[in-house]
Amino acid sequence: MLVCPECAHEWSPTAPSATETARVYKDANGNVLADGDTVTVIKDLKLRGGSGVVKQGTKVKNIRLVDEDHDIDCKIEGFGPMKLKSEYVKKQA
C-alpha cells in the first residue's frame, strides 16, 4: 500500500485508477456494444447539412466505438461515413 504524506490516503499501486477503466457502451435496450457489432437504427435520423434521412430499421454493419459525443463510427450504405449515438441503435442478435 502507498500512503499520501499530506492526507494519509492509502491506495494500492496495482489497482486500476478511475482514468484507466474502460467505458462501457450500451444500446437503447441496455445491451453492451463492441467493435465490429451489427446494429439497427431505431429512429429516423435527419442528416445535418443535407436533405437525407437515415430511416428506422437501417442495418449498420461493423461499427467502431469511439470516446466522443457521437460514440459510434460507421459507414452506412448509400450515405457513407457517419457518426451515430448509441442511444439511437439496437444490437442485432
N, C-alpha and C. Protein backbone atom coordinates (compact mmCIF):
# COMPACT_ATOMS: atom_id res chain seq x y z
N MET A 1 0.83 -1.18 0.00
CA MET A 1 0.00 0.00 0.00
C MET A 1 0.88 1.25 0.00
N LEU A 2 0.43 2.24 -0.73
CA LEU A 2 1.10 3.53 -0.73
C LEU A 2 0.28 4.50 0.11
N VAL A 3 0.95 5.47 0.75
CA VAL A 3 0.28 6.42 1.62
C VAL A 3 0.70 7.83 1.23
N CYS A 4 -0.29 8.71 1.11
CA CYS A 4 -0.02 10.12 0.82
C CYS A 4 0.48 10.78 2.11
N PRO A 5 1.65 11.46 2.07
CA PRO A 5 2.18 12.07 3.29
C PRO A 5 1.36 13.27 3.78
N GLU A 6 0.55 13.88 2.91
CA GLU A 6 -0.21 15.06 3.31
C GLU A 6 -1.57 14.72 3.90
N CYS A 7 -2.29 13.75 3.28
CA CYS A 7 -3.65 13.48 3.74
C CYS A 7 -3.84 12.07 4.29
N ALA A 8 -2.81 11.23 4.24
CA ALA A 8 -2.83 9.87 4.74
C ALA A 8 -3.75 8.95 3.94
N HIS A 9 -4.07 9.31 2.70
CA HIS A 9 -4.87 8.45 1.84
C HIS A 9 -4.02 7.25 1.43
N GLU A 10 -4.62 6.04 1.50
CA GLU A 10 -3.91 4.83 1.15
C GLU A 10 -4.48 4.25 -0.14
N TRP A 11 -3.61 3.70 -1.00
CA TRP A 11 -4.05 3.07 -2.24
C TRP A 11 -3.05 2.00 -2.65
N SER A 12 -3.52 1.10 -3.49
CA SER A 12 -2.67 0.03 -3.99
C SER A 12 -2.10 0.44 -5.33
N PRO A 13 -0.81 0.27 -5.56
CA PRO A 13 -0.22 0.67 -6.85
C PRO A 13 -0.66 -0.24 -8.00
N THR A 14 -1.19 -1.42 -7.71
CA THR A 14 -1.63 -2.34 -8.77
C THR A 14 -3.11 -2.20 -9.11
N ALA A 15 -3.87 -1.47 -8.29
CA ALA A 15 -5.30 -1.29 -8.55
C ALA A 15 -5.50 -0.31 -9.71
N PRO A 16 -6.45 -0.59 -10.61
CA PRO A 16 -6.68 0.35 -11.72
C PRO A 16 -7.29 1.65 -11.22
N SER A 17 -6.82 2.74 -11.77
CA SER A 17 -7.36 4.04 -11.37
C SER A 17 -8.63 4.33 -12.16
N ALA A 18 -9.33 5.38 -11.78
CA ALA A 18 -10.59 5.73 -12.44
C ALA A 18 -10.38 6.11 -13.91
N THR A 19 -9.21 6.66 -14.23
CA THR A 19 -8.94 7.06 -15.61
C THR A 19 -8.59 5.87 -16.49
N GLU A 20 -8.19 4.74 -15.89
CA GLU A 20 -7.79 3.57 -16.66
C GLU A 20 -8.94 2.63 -16.97
N THR A 21 -10.08 2.80 -16.30
CA THR A 21 -11.20 1.88 -16.52
C THR A 21 -11.83 2.18 -17.88
N ALA A 22 -12.23 1.12 -18.56
CA ALA A 22 -12.78 1.26 -19.90
C ALA A 22 -14.25 1.69 -19.84
N ARG A 23 -14.65 2.50 -20.78
CA ARG A 23 -16.04 2.95 -20.88
C ARG A 23 -16.88 1.83 -21.47
N VAL A 24 -18.08 1.66 -20.93
CA VAL A 24 -18.99 0.64 -21.42
C VAL A 24 -20.03 1.33 -22.29
N TYR A 25 -20.16 0.86 -23.54
CA TYR A 25 -21.11 1.44 -24.49
C TYR A 25 -22.35 0.54 -24.53
N LYS A 26 -23.54 1.14 -24.36
CA LYS A 26 -24.77 0.36 -24.37
C LYS A 26 -25.73 0.93 -25.41
N ASP A 27 -26.54 0.03 -26.00
CA ASP A 27 -27.53 0.46 -26.98
C ASP A 27 -28.80 0.93 -26.26
N ALA A 28 -29.85 1.21 -27.01
CA ALA A 28 -31.10 1.72 -26.45
C ALA A 28 -31.76 0.73 -25.49
N ASN A 29 -31.49 -0.56 -25.65
CA ASN A 29 -32.09 -1.59 -24.79
C ASN A 29 -31.18 -1.99 -23.63
N GLY A 30 -30.01 -1.39 -23.53
CA GLY A 30 -29.08 -1.70 -22.44
C GLY A 30 -28.10 -2.81 -22.75
N ASN A 31 -28.08 -3.30 -23.99
CA ASN A 31 -27.11 -4.33 -24.39
C ASN A 31 -25.75 -3.70 -24.60
N VAL A 32 -24.70 -4.38 -24.18
CA VAL A 32 -23.33 -3.87 -24.32
C VAL A 32 -22.89 -4.01 -25.77
N LEU A 33 -22.34 -2.92 -26.33
CA LEU A 33 -21.86 -2.90 -27.71
C LEU A 33 -20.35 -3.12 -27.73
N ALA A 34 -19.86 -3.68 -28.83
CA ALA A 34 -18.43 -3.90 -29.02
C ALA A 34 -18.07 -3.54 -30.46
N ASP A 35 -16.79 -3.29 -30.71
CA ASP A 35 -16.32 -3.03 -32.07
C ASP A 35 -16.68 -4.22 -32.96
N GLY A 36 -17.15 -3.92 -34.17
CA GLY A 36 -17.47 -4.97 -35.14
C GLY A 36 -18.91 -5.45 -35.07
N ASP A 37 -19.69 -4.98 -34.10
CA ASP A 37 -21.09 -5.40 -33.99
C ASP A 37 -21.92 -4.86 -35.15
N THR A 38 -23.08 -5.49 -35.37
CA THR A 38 -24.07 -5.01 -36.31
C THR A 38 -25.24 -4.46 -35.50
N VAL A 39 -25.67 -3.24 -35.84
CA VAL A 39 -26.77 -2.60 -35.12
C VAL A 39 -27.84 -2.15 -36.11
N THR A 40 -29.03 -1.86 -35.57
CA THR A 40 -30.15 -1.36 -36.35
C THR A 40 -30.57 -0.01 -35.78
N VAL A 41 -30.82 0.95 -36.66
CA VAL A 41 -31.27 2.28 -36.25
C VAL A 41 -32.73 2.16 -35.79
N ILE A 42 -33.07 2.73 -34.61
CA ILE A 42 -34.42 2.59 -34.08
C ILE A 42 -35.30 3.82 -34.29
N LYS A 43 -34.75 4.87 -34.90
CA LYS A 43 -35.48 6.11 -35.09
C LYS A 43 -35.00 6.76 -36.37
N ASP A 44 -35.90 7.41 -37.13
CA ASP A 44 -35.48 8.17 -38.31
C ASP A 44 -34.54 9.28 -37.86
N LEU A 45 -33.37 9.36 -38.50
CA LEU A 45 -32.36 10.36 -38.13
C LEU A 45 -32.15 11.31 -39.29
N LYS A 46 -32.45 12.59 -39.06
CA LYS A 46 -32.23 13.61 -40.09
C LYS A 46 -30.75 13.93 -40.16
N LEU A 47 -30.26 14.15 -41.37
CA LEU A 47 -28.85 14.47 -41.56
C LEU A 47 -28.68 15.98 -41.59
N ARG A 48 -27.68 16.44 -40.86
CA ARG A 48 -27.37 17.86 -40.87
C ARG A 48 -26.69 18.23 -42.18
N GLY A 49 -27.04 19.37 -42.73
CA GLY A 49 -26.38 19.84 -43.95
C GLY A 49 -26.88 19.17 -45.20
N GLY A 50 -27.93 18.41 -45.11
CA GLY A 50 -28.47 17.72 -46.28
C GLY A 50 -29.94 17.43 -46.09
N SER A 51 -30.53 16.93 -47.12
CA SER A 51 -31.96 16.65 -47.04
C SER A 51 -32.24 15.17 -46.81
N GLY A 52 -31.21 14.38 -46.58
CA GLY A 52 -31.39 12.94 -46.42
C GLY A 52 -31.83 12.56 -45.02
N VAL A 53 -32.37 11.35 -44.92
CA VAL A 53 -32.80 10.80 -43.64
C VAL A 53 -32.36 9.34 -43.58
N VAL A 54 -31.74 8.95 -42.47
CA VAL A 54 -31.44 7.55 -42.24
C VAL A 54 -32.70 6.96 -41.61
N LYS A 55 -33.33 6.04 -42.31
CA LYS A 55 -34.63 5.50 -41.90
C LYS A 55 -34.50 4.50 -40.75
N GLN A 56 -35.57 4.43 -39.98
CA GLN A 56 -35.67 3.44 -38.93
C GLN A 56 -35.55 2.04 -39.55
N GLY A 57 -34.81 1.16 -38.91
CA GLY A 57 -34.63 -0.19 -39.41
C GLY A 57 -33.40 -0.38 -40.28
N THR A 58 -32.66 0.70 -40.56
CA THR A 58 -31.44 0.60 -41.36
C THR A 58 -30.39 -0.18 -40.58
N LYS A 59 -29.82 -1.22 -41.21
CA LYS A 59 -28.78 -2.01 -40.57
C LYS A 59 -27.43 -1.37 -40.82
N VAL A 60 -26.62 -1.33 -39.79
CA VAL A 60 -25.26 -0.79 -39.86
C VAL A 60 -24.32 -1.89 -39.40
N LYS A 61 -23.42 -2.29 -40.30
CA LYS A 61 -22.50 -3.38 -40.00
C LYS A 61 -21.13 -2.85 -39.61
N ASN A 62 -20.43 -3.64 -38.82
CA ASN A 62 -19.03 -3.38 -38.48
C ASN A 62 -18.81 -2.00 -37.87
N ILE A 63 -19.47 -1.71 -36.74
CA ILE A 63 -19.32 -0.41 -36.09
C ILE A 63 -17.98 -0.33 -35.37
N ARG A 64 -17.56 0.90 -35.12
CA ARG A 64 -16.34 1.15 -34.35
C ARG A 64 -16.71 2.13 -33.25
N LEU A 65 -16.38 1.80 -32.00
CA LEU A 65 -16.72 2.64 -30.86
C LEU A 65 -15.60 3.63 -30.59
N VAL A 66 -15.98 4.89 -30.36
CA VAL A 66 -15.02 5.96 -30.07
C VAL A 66 -15.49 6.72 -28.84
N ASP A 67 -14.57 7.37 -28.15
CA ASP A 67 -14.89 8.10 -26.93
C ASP A 67 -15.17 9.56 -27.27
N GLU A 68 -16.33 9.82 -27.87
CA GLU A 68 -16.76 11.16 -28.25
C GLU A 68 -18.24 11.29 -27.95
N ASP A 69 -18.83 12.46 -28.27
CA ASP A 69 -20.26 12.67 -28.07
C ASP A 69 -21.08 11.68 -28.89
N HIS A 70 -20.78 11.56 -30.17
CA HIS A 70 -21.37 10.54 -31.02
C HIS A 70 -20.41 9.36 -30.98
N ASP A 71 -20.79 8.32 -30.25
CA ASP A 71 -19.82 7.29 -29.89
C ASP A 71 -19.72 6.10 -30.84
N ILE A 72 -20.39 6.15 -32.00
CA ILE A 72 -20.28 5.07 -32.98
C ILE A 72 -19.80 5.66 -34.32
N ASP A 73 -18.68 5.14 -34.82
CA ASP A 73 -18.20 5.46 -36.17
C ASP A 73 -18.62 4.32 -37.07
N CYS A 74 -19.19 4.64 -38.24
CA CYS A 74 -19.65 3.57 -39.13
C CYS A 74 -19.76 4.09 -40.56
N LYS A 75 -20.02 3.17 -41.47
CA LYS A 75 -20.34 3.51 -42.85
C LYS A 75 -21.72 2.96 -43.13
N ILE A 76 -22.61 3.83 -43.59
CA ILE A 76 -23.97 3.41 -43.92
C ILE A 76 -24.10 3.41 -45.43
N GLU A 77 -24.53 2.27 -45.96
CA GLU A 77 -24.68 2.11 -47.41
C GLU A 77 -25.63 3.18 -47.94
N GLY A 78 -25.18 3.91 -48.94
CA GLY A 78 -25.97 4.97 -49.54
C GLY A 78 -25.73 6.34 -48.92
N PHE A 79 -25.06 6.38 -47.75
CA PHE A 79 -24.79 7.65 -47.08
C PHE A 79 -23.31 7.90 -46.87
N GLY A 80 -22.53 6.84 -46.69
CA GLY A 80 -21.09 6.98 -46.47
C GLY A 80 -20.74 6.99 -45.00
N PRO A 81 -19.54 7.51 -44.66
CA PRO A 81 -19.10 7.52 -43.27
C PRO A 81 -19.99 8.42 -42.41
N MET A 82 -20.25 7.97 -41.19
CA MET A 82 -21.16 8.71 -40.34
C MET A 82 -20.87 8.40 -38.87
N LYS A 83 -21.27 9.30 -38.00
CA LYS A 83 -21.18 9.08 -36.56
C LYS A 83 -22.60 9.03 -36.00
N LEU A 84 -22.84 8.06 -35.11
CA LEU A 84 -24.15 7.88 -34.50
C LEU A 84 -24.01 7.86 -32.99
N LYS A 85 -25.12 8.13 -32.31
CA LYS A 85 -25.17 7.98 -30.86
C LYS A 85 -25.71 6.60 -30.55
N SER A 86 -25.15 5.96 -29.53
CA SER A 86 -25.55 4.59 -29.19
C SER A 86 -26.99 4.53 -28.69
N GLU A 87 -27.55 5.62 -28.24
CA GLU A 87 -28.94 5.61 -27.75
C GLU A 87 -29.97 5.49 -28.87
N TYR A 88 -29.55 5.61 -30.12
CA TYR A 88 -30.47 5.50 -31.25
C TYR A 88 -30.30 4.22 -32.05
N VAL A 89 -29.61 3.24 -31.49
CA VAL A 89 -29.43 1.96 -32.18
C VAL A 89 -29.73 0.81 -31.23
N LYS A 90 -30.01 -0.36 -31.80
CA LYS A 90 -30.13 -1.57 -31.01
C LYS A 90 -29.27 -2.64 -31.64
N LYS A 91 -28.69 -3.46 -30.79
CA LYS A 91 -27.76 -4.51 -31.22
C LYS A 91 -28.53 -5.65 -31.87
N GLN A 92 -27.98 -6.16 -32.98
CA GLN A 92 -28.56 -7.33 -33.65
C GLN A 92 -28.15 -8.58 -32.89
N ALA A 93 -29.05 -9.52 -32.80
CA ALA A 93 -28.76 -10.78 -32.09
C ALA A 93 -27.87 -11.68 -32.88
